[in-house]
C-alpha atoms as a PDB file:
ATOM      1  CA  MET A   1     -64.080 261.923  -3.408  1.00  0.00           C
ATOM      2  CA  GLY A   2     -61.476 264.340  -1.537  1.00  0.00           C
ATOM      3  CA  THR A   3     -61.682 268.039  -0.517  1.00  0.00           C
ATOM      4  CA  GLN A   4     -59.232 270.672  -2.012  1.00  0.00           C
ATOM      5  CA  ARG A   5     -56.839 272.131   0.263  1.00  0.00           C
ATOM      6  CA  ARG A   6     -54.473 275.039  -0.306  1.00  0.00           C
ATOM      7  CA  PHE A   7     -50.587 274.069   0.162  1.00  0.00           C
ATOM      8  CA  ARG A   8     -47.965 276.593   0.415  1.00  0.00           C
ATOM      9  CA  ILE A   9     -44.656 274.798  -0.364  1.00  0.00           C
ATOM     10  CA  TRP A  10     -41.075 276.421  -0.168  1.00  0.00           C
ATOM     11  CA  ARG A  11     -39.354 276.035  -3.483  1.00  0.00           C
ATOM     12  CA  GLY A  12     -35.742 276.895  -4.070  1.00  0.00           C
ATOM     13  CA  ASP A  13     -32.034 275.946  -3.556  1.00  0.00           C
ATOM     14  CA  THR A  14     -28.898 277.518  -2.079  1.00  0.00           C
ATOM     15  CA  ASP A  15     -29.319 280.529  -4.036  1.00  0.00           C
ATOM     16  CA  GLY A  16     -32.887 281.516  -2.548  1.00  0.00           C
ATOM     17  CA  GLY A  17     -36.338 280.664  -3.265  1.00  0.00           C
ATOM     18  CA  ASP A  18     -39.978 281.352  -2.395  1.00  0.00           C
ATOM     19  CA  PHE A  19     -43.393 279.936  -1.374  1.00  0.00           C
ATOM     20  CA  VAL A  20     -45.484 278.603  -4.288  1.00  0.00           C
ATOM     21  CA  ASP A  21     -49.063 277.805  -3.892  1.00  0.00           C
ATOM     22  CA  PHE A  22     -51.161 274.777  -5.065  1.00  0.00           C
ATOM     23  CA  ASP A  23     -54.621 273.497  -4.669  1.00  0.00           C
ATOM     24  CA  VAL A  24     -54.463 269.676  -4.289  1.00  0.00           C
ATOM     25  CA  GLU A  25     -56.940 266.992  -3.269  1.00  0.00           C
ATOM     26  CA  VAL A  26     -56.721 265.639   0.162  1.00  0.00           C
ATOM     27  CA  ASN A  27     -58.741 262.445   1.217  1.00  0.00           C
ATOM     28  CA  ASP A  28     -59.541 261.202   4.654  1.00  0.00           C
ATOM     29  CA  GLY A  29     -56.872 259.469   6.568  1.00  0.00           C
ATOM     30  CA  GLU A  30     -54.083 260.996   4.681  1.00  0.00           C
ATOM     31  CA  VAL A  31     -50.661 262.320   6.055  1.00  0.00           C
ATOM     32  CA  VAL A  32     -48.773 265.424   4.702  1.00  0.00           C
ATOM     33  CA  LEU A  33     -46.322 263.126   2.664  1.00  0.00           C
ATOM     34  CA  ASP A  34     -49.482 261.526   0.744  1.00  0.00           C
ATOM     35  CA  VAL A  35     -50.301 264.931  -0.334  1.00  0.00           C
ATOM     36  CA  ILE A  36     -46.568 265.859  -1.138  1.00  0.00           C
ATOM     37  CA  HIS A  37     -46.497 262.564  -3.469  1.00  0.00           C
ATOM     38  CA  ARG A  38     -49.719 263.703  -5.005  1.00  0.00           C
ATOM     39  CA  LEU A  39     -48.404 267.041  -5.936  1.00  0.00           C
ATOM     40  CA  GLN A  40     -45.273 265.666  -7.603  1.00  0.00           C
ATOM     41  CA  ALA A  41     -47.264 263.158  -9.437  1.00  0.00           C
ATOM     42  CA  THR A  42     -49.836 265.963 -10.718  1.00  0.00           C
ATOM     43  CA  GLN A  43     -48.458 269.452 -10.359  1.00  0.00           C
ATOM     44  CA  ALA A  44     -44.668 269.354  -9.419  1.00  0.00           C
ATOM     45  CA  PRO A  45     -42.796 266.314 -10.905  1.00  0.00           C
ATOM     46  CA  ASP A  46     -39.425 268.236  -9.893  1.00  0.00           C
ATOM     47  CA  LEU A  47     -40.365 269.014  -6.219  1.00  0.00           C
ATOM     48  CA  ALA A  48     -37.561 267.744  -4.050  1.00  0.00           C
ATOM     49  CA  VAL A  49     -38.605 265.818  -0.900  1.00  0.00           C
ATOM     50  CA  ARG A  50     -36.400 263.179   1.255  1.00  0.00           C
ATOM     51  CA  TRP A  51     -38.539 260.219   2.512  1.00  0.00           C
ATOM     52  CA  ASN A  52     -37.939 256.344   2.886  1.00  0.00           C
ATOM     53  CA  CYS A  53     -39.918 254.371   5.155  1.00  0.00           C
ATOM     54  CA  LYS A  54     -43.264 256.416   5.502  1.00  0.00           C
ATOM     55  CA  ALA A  55     -43.757 254.563   8.702  1.00  0.00           C
ATOM     56  CA  GLY A  56     -41.981 257.115  11.088  1.00  0.00           C
ATOM     57  CA  LYS A  57     -39.023 255.005  11.930  1.00  0.00           C
ATOM     58  CA  CYS A  58     -36.466 256.057   9.117  1.00  0.00           C
ATOM     59  CA  GLY A  59     -36.368 259.966  10.284  1.00  0.00           C
ATOM     60  CA  SER A  60     -35.888 260.965   6.424  1.00  0.00           C
ATOM     61  CA  CYS A  61     -39.074 263.245   5.911  1.00  0.00           C
ATOM     62  CA  SER A  62     -38.232 265.888   8.514  1.00  0.00           C
ATOM     63  CA  ALA A  63     -39.635 269.450   7.645  1.00  0.00           C
ATOM     64  CA  GLU A  64     -41.699 271.895   9.046  1.00  0.00           C
ATOM     65  CA  VAL A  65     -45.382 271.937   8.778  1.00  0.00           C
ATOM     66  CA  ASN A  66     -47.153 275.289   9.721  1.00  0.00           C
ATOM     67  CA  GLY A  67     -43.881 276.288  11.386  1.00  0.00           C
ATOM     68  CA  ARG A  68     -43.516 273.218  13.669  1.00  0.00           C
ATOM     69  CA  PRO A  69     -40.611 270.786  13.005  1.00  0.00           C
ATOM     70  CA  ARG A  70     -42.480 267.421  12.064  1.00  0.00           C
ATOM     71  CA  LEU A  71     -42.129 264.234  10.243  1.00  0.00           C
ATOM     72  CA  LEU A  72     -44.233 264.402   7.123  1.00  0.00           C
ATOM     73  CA  CYS A  73     -45.306 260.843   7.231  1.00  0.00           C
ATOM     74  CA  MET A  74     -46.669 261.254  10.678  1.00  0.00           C
ATOM     75  CA  THR A  75     -48.501 264.373  10.349  1.00  0.00           C
ATOM     76  CA  ARG A  76     -52.176 263.555   9.661  1.00  0.00           C
ATOM     77  CA  MET A  77     -53.853 266.216   7.640  1.00  0.00           C
ATOM     78  CA  SER A  78     -56.944 265.765   9.988  1.00  0.00           C
ATOM     79  CA  THR A  79     -54.728 267.338  12.864  1.00  0.00           C
ATOM     80  CA  LEU A  80     -54.222 270.388  10.845  1.00  0.00           C
ATOM     81  CA  PRO A  81     -56.597 273.503  10.760  1.00  0.00           C
ATOM     82  CA  PRO A  82     -59.084 272.724   7.837  1.00  0.00           C
ATOM     83  CA  HIS A  83     -59.736 276.306   6.390  1.00  0.00           C
ATOM     84  CA  GLN A  84     -56.083 277.548   6.455  1.00  0.00           C
ATOM     85  CA  PRO A  85     -53.328 276.907   3.853  1.00  0.00           C
ATOM     86  CA  VAL A  86     -50.894 274.270   4.949  1.00  0.00           C
ATOM     87  CA  THR A  87     -47.180 275.770   4.888  1.00  0.00           C
ATOM     88  CA  VAL A  88     -44.369 273.012   4.309  1.00  0.00           C
ATOM     89  CA  THR A  89     -40.891 274.416   4.502  1.00  0.00           C
ATOM     90  CA  PRO A  90     -37.567 272.706   5.106  1.00  0.00           C
ATOM     91  CA  MET A  91     -36.034 272.492   8.298  1.00  0.00           C
ATOM     92  CA  ARG A  92     -34.606 276.046   9.270  1.00  0.00           C
ATOM     93  CA  THR A  93     -31.481 275.154  11.154  1.00  0.00           C
ATOM     94  CA  PHE A  94     -29.761 273.083   8.293  1.00  0.00           C
ATOM     95  CA  PRO A  95     -28.689 274.603   4.651  1.00  0.00           C
ATOM     96  CA  VAL A  96     -31.216 274.017   1.854  1.00  0.00           C
ATOM     97  CA  ILE A  97     -30.023 271.767  -0.967  1.00  0.00           C
ATOM     98  CA  ARG A  98     -33.185 272.047  -2.777  1.00  0.00           C
ATOM     99  CA  ASP A  99     -37.116 272.497  -2.066  1.00  0.00           C
ATOM    100  CA  LEU A 100     -37.740 270.533   1.295  1.00  0.00           C
ATOM    101  CA  VAL A 101     -34.365 268.783   1.261  1.00  0.00           C
ATOM    102  CA  THR A 102     -31.633 270.278   3.756  1.00  0.00           C
ATOM    103  CA  ASP A 103     -28.032 269.420   4.269  1.00  0.00           C
ATOM    104  CA  VAL A 104     -27.620 267.541   7.733  1.00  0.00           C
ATOM    105  CA  SER A 105     -24.206 266.653   7.631  1.00  0.00           C
ATOM    106  CA  TYR A 106     -23.475 268.809  10.448  1.00  0.00           C
ATOM    107  CA  ASN A 107     -24.997 266.119  12.767  1.00  0.00           C
ATOM    108  CA  TYR A 108     -22.973 263.446  11.047  1.00  0.00           C
ATOM    109  CA  GLN A 109     -19.496 265.434  11.821  1.00  0.00           C
ATOM    110  CA  LYS A 110     -20.811 265.776  15.617  1.00  0.00           C
ATOM    111  CA  ALA A 111     -21.701 262.115  15.721  1.00  0.00           C
ATOM    112  CA  ARG A 112     -17.955 261.372  14.647  1.00  0.00           C
ATOM    113  CA  GLU A 113     -16.419 263.578  17.231  1.00  0.00           C
ATOM    114  CA  ILE A 114     -18.278 261.292  20.010  1.00  0.00           C
ATOM    115  CA  GLN A 115     -15.909 258.612  21.539  1.00  0.00           C
ATOM    116  CA  ALA A 116     -17.454 255.349  20.599  1.00  0.00           C
ATOM    117  CA  PHE A 117     -18.492 252.683  23.611  1.00  0.00           C
ATOM    118  CA  LEU A 118     -15.335 251.227  24.796  1.00  0.00           C
ATOM    119  CA  PRO A 119     -15.872 247.836  26.403  1.00  0.00           C
ATOM    120  CA  PRO A 120     -14.181 246.643  29.440  1.00  0.00           C
ATOM    121  CA  LYS A 121     -10.787 244.765  29.028  1.00  0.00           C
ATOM    122  CA  GLY A 122     -10.868 241.103  29.344  1.00  0.00           C
ATOM    123  CA  VAL A 123     -14.726 240.811  28.459  1.00  0.00           C
ATOM    124  CA  GLN A 124     -15.603 239.371  25.056  1.00  0.00           C
ATOM    125  CA  PRO A 125     -18.680 240.310  22.997  1.00  0.00           C
ATOM    126  CA  GLY A 126     -21.500 238.050  24.344  1.00  0.00           C
ATOM    127  CA  GLU A 127     -20.122 238.051  27.717  1.00  0.00           C
ATOM    128  CA  TYR A 128     -21.424 241.469  28.757  1.00  0.00           C
ATOM    129  CA  ARG A 129     -23.725 241.350  31.666  1.00  0.00           C
ATOM    130  CA  MET A 130     -25.984 244.203  33.023  1.00  0.00           C
ATOM    131  CA  GLN A 131     -28.611 244.654  35.472  1.00  0.00           C
ATOM    132  CA  GLN A 132     -32.164 245.145  34.083  1.00  0.00           C
ATOM    133  CA  VAL A 133     -32.364 248.431  35.717  1.00  0.00           C
ATOM    134  CA  ASP A 134     -29.454 249.805  33.789  1.00  0.00           C
ATOM    135  CA  VAL A 135     -30.705 248.455  30.549  1.00  0.00           C
ATOM    136  CA  GLU A 136     -34.084 250.176  31.043  1.00  0.00           C
ATOM    137  CA  ARG A 137     -32.338 253.372  31.981  1.00  0.00           C
ATOM    138  CA  SER A 138     -30.474 253.998  28.553  1.00  0.00           C
ATOM    139  CA  GLN A 139     -33.151 251.791  26.386  1.00  0.00           C
ATOM    140  CA  GLU A 140     -35.291 254.963  25.813  1.00  0.00           C
ATOM    141  CA  PHE A 141     -32.421 257.024  24.157  1.00  0.00           C
ATOM    142  CA  ARG A 142     -31.887 254.068  21.629  1.00  0.00           C
ATOM    143  CA  LYS A 143     -35.389 254.653  20.101  1.00  0.00           C
ATOM    144  CA  CYS A 144     -33.883 257.528  18.445  1.00  0.00           C
ATOM    145  CA  ILE A 145     -34.397 257.481  14.763  1.00  0.00           C
ATOM    146  CA  GLU A 146     -32.134 260.387  13.844  1.00  0.00           C
ATOM    147  CA  CYS A 147     -34.830 262.542  12.363  1.00  0.00           C
ATOM    148  CA  PHE A 148     -32.868 265.563  13.675  1.00  0.00           C
ATOM    149  CA  LEU A 149     -36.021 267.302  14.586  1.00  0.00           C
ATOM    150  CA  CYS A 150     -34.572 268.030  18.019  1.00  0.00           C
ATOM    151  CA  GLN A 151     -31.652 269.368  16.536  1.00  0.00           C
ATOM    152  CA  ASN A 152     -33.504 271.572  14.100  1.00  0.00           C
ATOM    153  CA  THR A 153     -35.808 273.251  16.863  1.00  0.00           C
ATOM    154  CA  CYS A 154     -33.031 273.773  19.479  1.00  0.00           C
ATOM    155  CA  HIS A 155     -32.807 277.721  19.507  1.00  0.00           C
ATOM    156  CA  VAL A 156     -29.131 277.298  20.476  1.00  0.00           C
ATOM    157  CA  ILE A 157     -28.080 276.445  16.837  1.00  0.00           C
ATOM    158  CA  ARG A 158     -31.168 277.364  15.157  1.00  0.00           C
ATOM    159  CA  ASP A 159     -30.987 281.013  16.123  1.00  0.00           C
ATOM    160  CA  HIS A 160     -27.213 281.281  16.414  1.00  0.00           C
ATOM    161  CA  GLU A 161     -25.234 279.702  13.496  1.00  0.00           C
ATOM    162  CA  ASP A 162     -21.802 280.531  15.251  1.00  0.00           C
ATOM    163  CA  ASN A 163     -22.762 278.259  18.260  1.00  0.00           C
ATOM    164  CA  LYS A 164     -22.690 275.063  15.638  1.00  0.00           C
ATOM    165  CA  ALA A 165     -18.932 275.048  15.881  1.00  0.00           C
ATOM    166  CA  HIS A 166     -19.305 274.567  19.756  1.00  0.00           C
ATOM    167  CA  PHE A 167     -22.428 272.776  20.373  1.00  0.00           C
ATOM    168  CA  SER A 168     -23.437 269.298  19.456  1.00  0.00           C
ATOM    169  CA  GLY A 169     -26.907 269.844  20.067  1.00  0.00           C
ATOM    170  CA  PRO A 170     -29.726 267.491  22.202  1.00  0.00           C
ATOM    171  CA  ARG A 171     -29.314 264.351  19.942  1.00  0.00           C
ATOM    172  CA  PHE A 172     -25.618 263.937  20.600  1.00  0.00           C
ATOM    173  CA  LEU A 173     -25.655 265.110  24.086  1.00  0.00           C
ATOM    174  CA  MET A 174     -28.194 262.456  24.820  1.00  0.00           C
ATOM    175  CA  ARG A 175     -25.566 259.952  23.117  1.00  0.00           C
ATOM    176  CA  ILE A 176     -23.105 261.011  25.396  1.00  0.00           C
ATOM    177  CA  ALA A 177     -25.199 260.827  28.426  1.00  0.00           C
ATOM    178  CA  GLU A 178     -26.189 257.311  27.413  1.00  0.00           C
ATOM    179  CA  LEU A 179     -22.786 256.412  27.239  1.00  0.00           C
ATOM    180  CA  ASP A 180     -21.987 257.844  30.523  1.00  0.00           C
ATOM    181  CA  MET A 181     -24.864 255.785  32.166  1.00  0.00           C
ATOM    182  CA  HIS A 182     -23.638 252.524  30.484  1.00  0.00           C
ATOM    183  CA  PRO A 183     -22.330 250.289  33.460  1.00  0.00           C
ATOM    184  CA  LEU A 184     -19.742 248.579  31.073  1.00  0.00           C
ATOM    185  CA  ASP A 185     -18.387 251.486  29.334  1.00  0.00           C
ATOM    186  CA  ALA A 186     -14.863 251.652  30.144  1.00  0.00           C
ATOM    187  CA  ALA A 187     -14.018 255.060  28.628  1.00  0.00           C
ATOM    188  CA  ASP A 188     -12.579 256.383  32.034  1.00  0.00           C
ATOM    189  CA  GLU A 189      -9.838 253.516  32.083  1.00  0.00           C
ATOM    190  CA  GLU A 190      -8.722 254.863  28.769  1.00  0.00           C
ATOM    191  CA  GLY A 191      -8.523 258.420  30.111  1.00  0.00           C
ATOM    192  CA  VAL A 192     -11.789 259.516  28.500  1.00  0.00           C
ATOM    193  CA  ASP A 193     -14.025 261.684  30.654  1.00  0.00           C
ATOM    194  CA  ARG A 194     -17.486 261.663  29.179  1.00  0.00           C
ATOM    195  CA  LYS A 195     -18.707 264.365  31.623  1.00  0.00           C
ATOM    196  CA  ARG A 196     -15.667 266.644  30.887  1.00  0.00           C
ATOM    197  CA  ALA A 197     -16.063 266.003  27.014  1.00  0.00           C
ATOM    198  CA  ALA A 198     -19.782 266.830  27.215  1.00  0.00           C
ATOM    199  CA  GLN A 199     -19.332 270.306  28.991  1.00  0.00           C
ATOM    200  CA  ASP A 200     -16.033 271.116  27.480  1.00  0.00           C
ATOM    201  CA  GLU A 201     -16.059 269.721  23.694  1.00  0.00           C
ATOM    202  CA  HIS A 202     -19.729 269.407  23.233  1.00  0.00           C
ATOM    203  CA  GLY A 203     -21.307 272.628  24.716  1.00  0.00           C
ATOM    204  CA  LEU A 204     -23.536 270.972  27.313  1.00  0.00           C
ATOM    205  CA  GLY A 205     -23.358 274.352  29.177  1.00  0.00           C
ATOM    206  CA  PHE A 206     -25.226 276.175  25.985  1.00  0.00           C
ATOM    207  CA  CYS A 207     -28.271 274.028  27.069  1.00  0.00           C
ATOM    208  CA  ASN A 208     -30.764 276.029  28.919  1.00  0.00           C
ATOM    209  CA  ILE A 209     -33.506 272.969  29.315  1.00  0.00           C
ATOM    210  CA  THR A 210     -36.349 274.648  27.555  1.00  0.00           C
ATOM    211  CA  LYS A 211     -37.455 271.097  26.353  1.00  0.00           C
ATOM    212  CA  CYS A 212     -38.141 272.204  22.988  1.00  0.00           C
ATOM    213  CA  CYS A 213     -36.161 269.296  21.843  1.00  0.00           C
ATOM    214  CA  THR A 214     -38.426 266.899  23.997  1.00  0.00           C
ATOM    215  CA  GLU A 215     -41.604 268.434  22.462  1.00  0.00           C
ATOM    216  CA  VAL A 216     -40.908 267.737  19.095  1.00  0.00           C
ATOM    217  CA  CYS A 217     -39.494 264.163  19.390  1.00  0.00           C
ATOM    218  CA  PRO A 218     -41.613 261.564  17.400  1.00  0.00           C
ATOM    219  CA  GLU A 219     -40.458 258.758  19.507  1.00  0.00           C
ATOM    220  CA  HIS A 220     -41.432 260.630  22.700  1.00  0.00           C
ATOM    221  CA  ILE A 221     -37.958 260.565  24.266  1.00  0.00           C
ATOM    222  CA  LYS A 222     -37.840 262.597  27.434  1.00  0.00           C
ATOM    223  CA  ILE A 223     -34.387 264.020  26.163  1.00  0.00           C
ATOM    224  CA  THR A 224     -34.217 266.764  28.639  1.00  0.00           C
ATOM    225  CA  ASP A 225     -35.592 265.227  31.743  1.00  0.00           C
ATOM    226  CA  ASN A 226     -33.937 261.915  31.326  1.00  0.00           C
ATOM    227  CA  ALA A 227     -30.720 262.805  29.500  1.00  0.00           C
ATOM    228  CA  LEU A 228     -29.623 266.432  29.483  1.00  0.00           C
ATOM    229  CA  ILE A 229     -30.541 267.333  33.116  1.00  0.00           C
ATOM    230  CA  PRO A 230     -29.047 264.127  34.715  1.00  0.00           C
ATOM    231  CA  MET A 231     -25.845 264.989  32.634  1.00  0.00           C
ATOM    232  CA  LYS A 232     -25.835 268.653  33.867  1.00  0.00           C
ATOM    233  CA  GLU A 233     -26.267 267.488  37.538  1.00  0.00           C
ATOM    234  CA  ARG A 234     -23.103 265.090  37.167  1.00  0.00           C
ATOM    235  CA  VAL A 235     -21.025 267.844  35.462  1.00  0.00           C
ATOM    236  CA  VAL A 236     -22.020 270.191  38.694  1.00  0.00           C
ATOM    237  CA  SER A 237     -21.097 267.156  40.998  1.00  0.00           C
ATOM    238  CA  LEU A 238     -17.652 266.941  39.125  1.00  0.00           C
ATOM    239  CA  ARG A 239     -16.628 270.258  39.059  1.00  0.00           C
ATOM    240  CA  PHE A 240     -18.117 271.900  42.234  1.00  0.00           C
ATOM    241  CA  ASP A 241     -18.745 269.179  44.960  1.00  0.00           C
ATOM    242  CA  PRO A 242     -15.886 269.573  47.457  1.00  0.00           C
ATOM    243  CA  LEU A 243     -16.298 265.845  48.654  1.00  0.00           C
ATOM    244  CA  ALA A 244     -15.972 264.491  44.985  1.00  0.00           C
ATOM    245  CA  ARG A 245     -12.948 266.727  44.439  1.00  0.00           C
ATOM    246  CA  LEU A 246     -11.323 265.356  47.609  1.00  0.00           C
ATOM    247  CA  LEU A 247     -11.890 261.806  46.662  1.00  0.00           C
ATOM    248  CA  ARG A 248     -10.560 262.496  43.121  1.00  0.00           C
ATOM    249  CA  ARG A 249      -7.278 263.926  44.765  1.00  0.00           C
ATOM    250  CA  ASP A 250      -7.031 261.139  46.948  1.00  0.00           C
ATOM    251  CA  ARG A 251      -7.170 258.537  44.125  1.00  0.00           C
ATOM    252  CA  ARG A 252      -4.635 260.518  42.252  1.00  0.00           C
END
């Protein structure tokens, strides 16, 4: 026999909406997504929520629980204050489609703007060779499940809609950093400077390293410390290191 909990769910669409309260049964060991499914089955069959794997690996069920960006399937009810209503809202940074479902197409547009990995000339797939230290350096970033919680919590776009045109957000700056670290990426040979692109085209300078993206990452990727800060350091060296500027001039 479970206990009754009060849930406050945001219901609405692009034209607006409001909170609706539900009293619903909660059992030991359940996560928020379990309760949302029970609500759909018993009280609100038209409640819209996006989900897929229910195992914290697809990134589909991103929302905000008690004001914090989370995966619904990875937020255990036992971790939430027991005598307070549980508030569930859609991600605030992206336009609402309906109820808890948001339009995250902004992220896919930013992904398309990044130059893909460019393999070295004369090396065929299957012939790539890398040092283990280089593999380990970027392996962490490949754990990303693209839940876009880091994008949602980043105040640069969360609080300033106008910045979206100029700022790709932590998820995609991390992707650029990963490619820039890749020892086999031959983008520079094709005239693609990933450091300049990060700064000039993707808004790296907007990031003020508050680490909010790192704090909400369900894969515990150290986005700020291991991707964004090193990328900023390389951009500074590129633009302001007098020795580096001399070497570039000599090469030209």
